[in-house]
Amino acid sequence: MDKGVILYPCYFDLELMRSEGRRVSLDTGVSNPEPGDIERILKANKIPYVREPKSHPAYWWKNQGRFVVDYTGPKRELIALISTGLKNRGKQN
């Protein structure tokens, strides 16, 4: 996959400020989002992706990796979809 939408787990972390990389509102974020949960949401929605071992430049030590997603819609829409899935997953536990 040459091009795609790049997603980092920090985009969904409510413990971060927007200036630190969070892309969702505090209402839709989760504490310490797990890459495995993001992966399950992408699989459940049948959205093709590749998980790469590269980390967000600001959080290189976390080694959470990133996702290159083959998604044709707006990135904001994809982030909202994953954010909703993460939030719902938290309510189930």
C-alpha atoms as a PDB file:
ATOM      1  CA  MET A   1       0.000   0.000   0.000  1.00  0.00           C
ATOM      2  CA  ASP A   2       1.806   3.100  -1.238  1.00  0.00           C
ATOM      3  CA  LYS A   3      -0.572   5.789  -0.089  1.00  0.00           C
ATOM      4  CA  GLY A   4      -3.257   5.865   2.498  1.00  0.00           C
ATOM      5  CA  VAL A   5      -4.545   7.624   5.552  1.00  0.00           C
ATOM      6  CA  ILE A   6      -2.007   7.574   8.391  1.00  0.00           C
ATOM      7  CA  LEU A   7      -3.414   7.017  11.886  1.00  0.00           C
ATOM      8  CA  TYR A   8      -1.539   7.009  15.182  1.00  0.00           C
ATOM      9  CA  PRO A   9      -3.045   5.782  18.478  1.00  0.00           C
ATOM     10  CA  CYS A  10      -2.279   9.152  20.101  1.00  0.00           C
ATOM     11  CA  TYR A  11      -5.008  10.709  17.921  1.00  0.00           C
ATOM     12  CA  PHE A  12      -7.590   9.091  20.231  1.00  0.00           C
ATOM     13  CA  ASP A  13      -5.920   9.644  23.637  1.00  0.00           C
ATOM     14  CA  LEU A  14      -8.024  11.930  25.835  1.00  0.00           C
ATOM     15  CA  GLU A  15      -5.098  12.428  28.202  1.00  0.00           C
ATOM     16  CA  LEU A  16      -3.289  14.454  25.534  1.00  0.00           C
ATOM     17  CA  MET A  17      -3.982  18.022  24.536  1.00  0.00           C
ATOM     18  CA  ARG A  18      -4.744  18.834  20.918  1.00  0.00           C
ATOM     19  CA  SER A  19      -1.299  20.395  20.621  1.00  0.00           C
ATOM     20  CA  GLU A  20       0.170  17.052  21.724  1.00  0.00           C
ATOM     21  CA  GLY A  21      -1.466  15.111  18.918  1.00  0.00           C
ATOM     22  CA  ARG A  22      -5.039  14.365  19.979  1.00  0.00           C
ATOM     23  CA  ARG A  23      -7.452  14.650  17.030  1.00  0.00           C
ATOM     24  CA  VAL A  24     -10.762  13.888  18.752  1.00  0.00           C
ATOM     25  CA  SER A  25     -12.814  15.788  21.309  1.00  0.00           C
ATOM     26  CA  LEU A  26     -12.489  14.918  24.981  1.00  0.00           C
ATOM     27  CA  ASP A  27     -15.975  13.425  24.831  1.00  0.00           C
ATOM     28  CA  THR A  28     -15.014  10.907  22.156  1.00  0.00           C
ATOM     29  CA  GLY A  29     -11.453  10.129  23.246  1.00  0.00           C
ATOM     30  CA  VAL A  30     -10.335   7.225  25.420  1.00  0.00           C
ATOM     31  CA  SER A  31      -7.563   6.874  27.945  1.00  0.00           C
ATOM     32  CA  ASN A  32      -4.488   5.100  26.551  1.00  0.00           C
ATOM     33  CA  PRO A  33      -5.956   3.704  23.314  1.00  0.00           C
ATOM     34  CA  GLU A  34      -4.557   0.298  22.438  1.00  0.00           C
ATOM     35  CA  PRO A  35      -3.362  -0.320  18.861  1.00  0.00           C
ATOM     36  CA  GLY A  36      -4.963  -3.779  19.018  1.00  0.00           C
ATOM     37  CA  ASP A  37      -8.369  -2.202  19.609  1.00  0.00           C
ATOM     38  CA  ILE A  38      -7.911   0.107  16.618  1.00  0.00           C
ATOM     39  CA  GLU A  39      -6.925  -2.911  14.552  1.00  0.00           C
ATOM     40  CA  ARG A  40     -10.063  -4.822  15.606  1.00  0.00           C
ATOM     41  CA  ILE A  41     -12.276  -1.866  14.677  1.00  0.00           C
ATOM     42  CA  LEU A  42     -10.692  -1.618  11.219  1.00  0.00           C
ATOM     43  CA  LYS A  43     -11.146  -5.377  10.695  1.00  0.00           C
ATOM     44  CA  ALA A  44     -14.752  -5.308  11.915  1.00  0.00           C
ATOM     45  CA  ASN A  45     -15.556  -2.547   9.410  1.00  0.00           C
ATOM     46  CA  LYS A  46     -13.675  -4.396   6.631  1.00  0.00           C
ATOM     47  CA  ILE A  47     -11.378  -1.422   6.037  1.00  0.00           C
ATOM     48  CA  PRO A  48      -8.036  -2.485   4.500  1.00  0.00           C
ATOM     49  CA  TYR A  49      -4.978  -1.353   6.437  1.00  0.00           C
ATOM     50  CA  VAL A  50      -1.322  -2.083   7.104  1.00  0.00           C
ATOM     51  CA  ARG A  51       0.160  -1.767  10.570  1.00  0.00           C
ATOM     52  CA  GLU A  52       3.677  -0.359  10.472  1.00  0.00           C
ATOM     53  CA  PRO A  53       6.256  -0.370  13.274  1.00  0.00           C
ATOM     54  CA  LYS A  54       6.778   3.385  12.910  1.00  0.00           C
ATOM     55  CA  SER A  55       5.784   5.617  15.817  1.00  0.00           C
ATOM     56  CA  HIS A  56       4.470   9.164  16.047  1.00  0.00           C
ATOM     57  CA  PRO A  57       7.515  11.465  16.094  1.00  0.00           C
ATOM     58  CA  ALA A  58       6.476  13.016  19.411  1.00  0.00           C
ATOM     59  CA  TYR A  59       6.029   9.591  21.047  1.00  0.00           C
ATOM     60  CA  TRP A  60       8.794   7.552  19.468  1.00  0.00           C
ATOM     61  CA  TRP A  61       9.526   5.703  22.720  1.00  0.00           C
ATOM     62  CA  LYS A  62       6.012   4.214  22.996  1.00  0.00           C
ATOM     63  CA  ASN A  63       6.525   1.911  20.007  1.00  0.00           C
ATOM     64  CA  GLN A  64       2.777   1.758  19.325  1.00  0.00           C
ATOM     65  CA  GLY A  65       3.190   1.799  15.585  1.00  0.00           C
ATOM     66  CA  ARG A  66       0.908   3.430  13.083  1.00  0.00           C
ATOM     67  CA  PHE A  67      -1.781   2.387  10.646  1.00  0.00           C
ATOM     68  CA  VAL A  68      -1.795   3.106   6.935  1.00  0.00           C
ATOM     69  CA  VAL A  69      -5.449   2.776   6.014  1.00  0.00           C
ATOM     70  CA  ASP A  70      -6.873   2.393   2.521  1.00  0.00           C
ATOM     71  CA  TYR A  71      -9.822   4.733   2.998  1.00  0.00           C
ATOM     72  CA  THR A  72     -11.311   6.907   0.274  1.00  0.00           C
ATOM     73  CA  GLY A  73     -13.437   9.172   2.470  1.00  0.00           C
ATOM     74  CA  PRO A  74     -12.276  12.118   4.550  1.00  0.00           C
ATOM     75  CA  LYS A  75      -9.717  11.375   7.254  1.00  0.00           C
ATOM     76  CA  ARG A  76     -11.950  13.096   9.814  1.00  0.00           C
ATOM     77  CA  GLU A  77     -14.717  10.580   9.039  1.00  0.00           C
ATOM     78  CA  LEU A  78     -12.360   7.645   9.586  1.00  0.00           C
ATOM     79  CA  ILE A  79     -11.114   9.118  12.867  1.00  0.00           C
ATOM     80  CA  ALA A  80     -14.729   9.560  14.036  1.00  0.00           C
ATOM     81  CA  LEU A  81     -15.553   5.942  13.107  1.00  0.00           C
ATOM     82  CA  ILE A  82     -12.614   4.578  15.088  1.00  0.00           C
ATOM     83  CA  SER A  83     -13.216   6.929  17.986  1.00  0.00           C
ATOM     84  CA  THR A  84     -16.825   5.752  18.262  1.00  0.00           C
ATOM     85  CA  GLY A  85     -15.675   2.137  18.176  1.00  0.00           C
ATOM     86  CA  LEU A  86     -13.108   2.740  20.914  1.00  0.00           C
ATOM     87  CA  LYS A  87     -15.658   4.525  23.082  1.00  0.00           C
ATOM     88  CA  ASN A  88     -18.222   1.727  22.648  1.00  0.00           C
ATOM     89  CA  ARG A  89     -15.578  -0.893  23.409  1.00  0.00           C
ATOM     90  CA  GLY A  90     -14.834   0.847  26.704  1.00  0.00           C
ATOM     91  CA  LYS A  91     -18.501   0.701  27.697  1.00  0.00           C
ATOM     92  CA  GLN A  92     -18.598  -3.074  27.121  1.00  0.00           C
ATOM     93  CA  ASN A  93     -15.745  -3.765  29.563  1.00  0.00           C
END
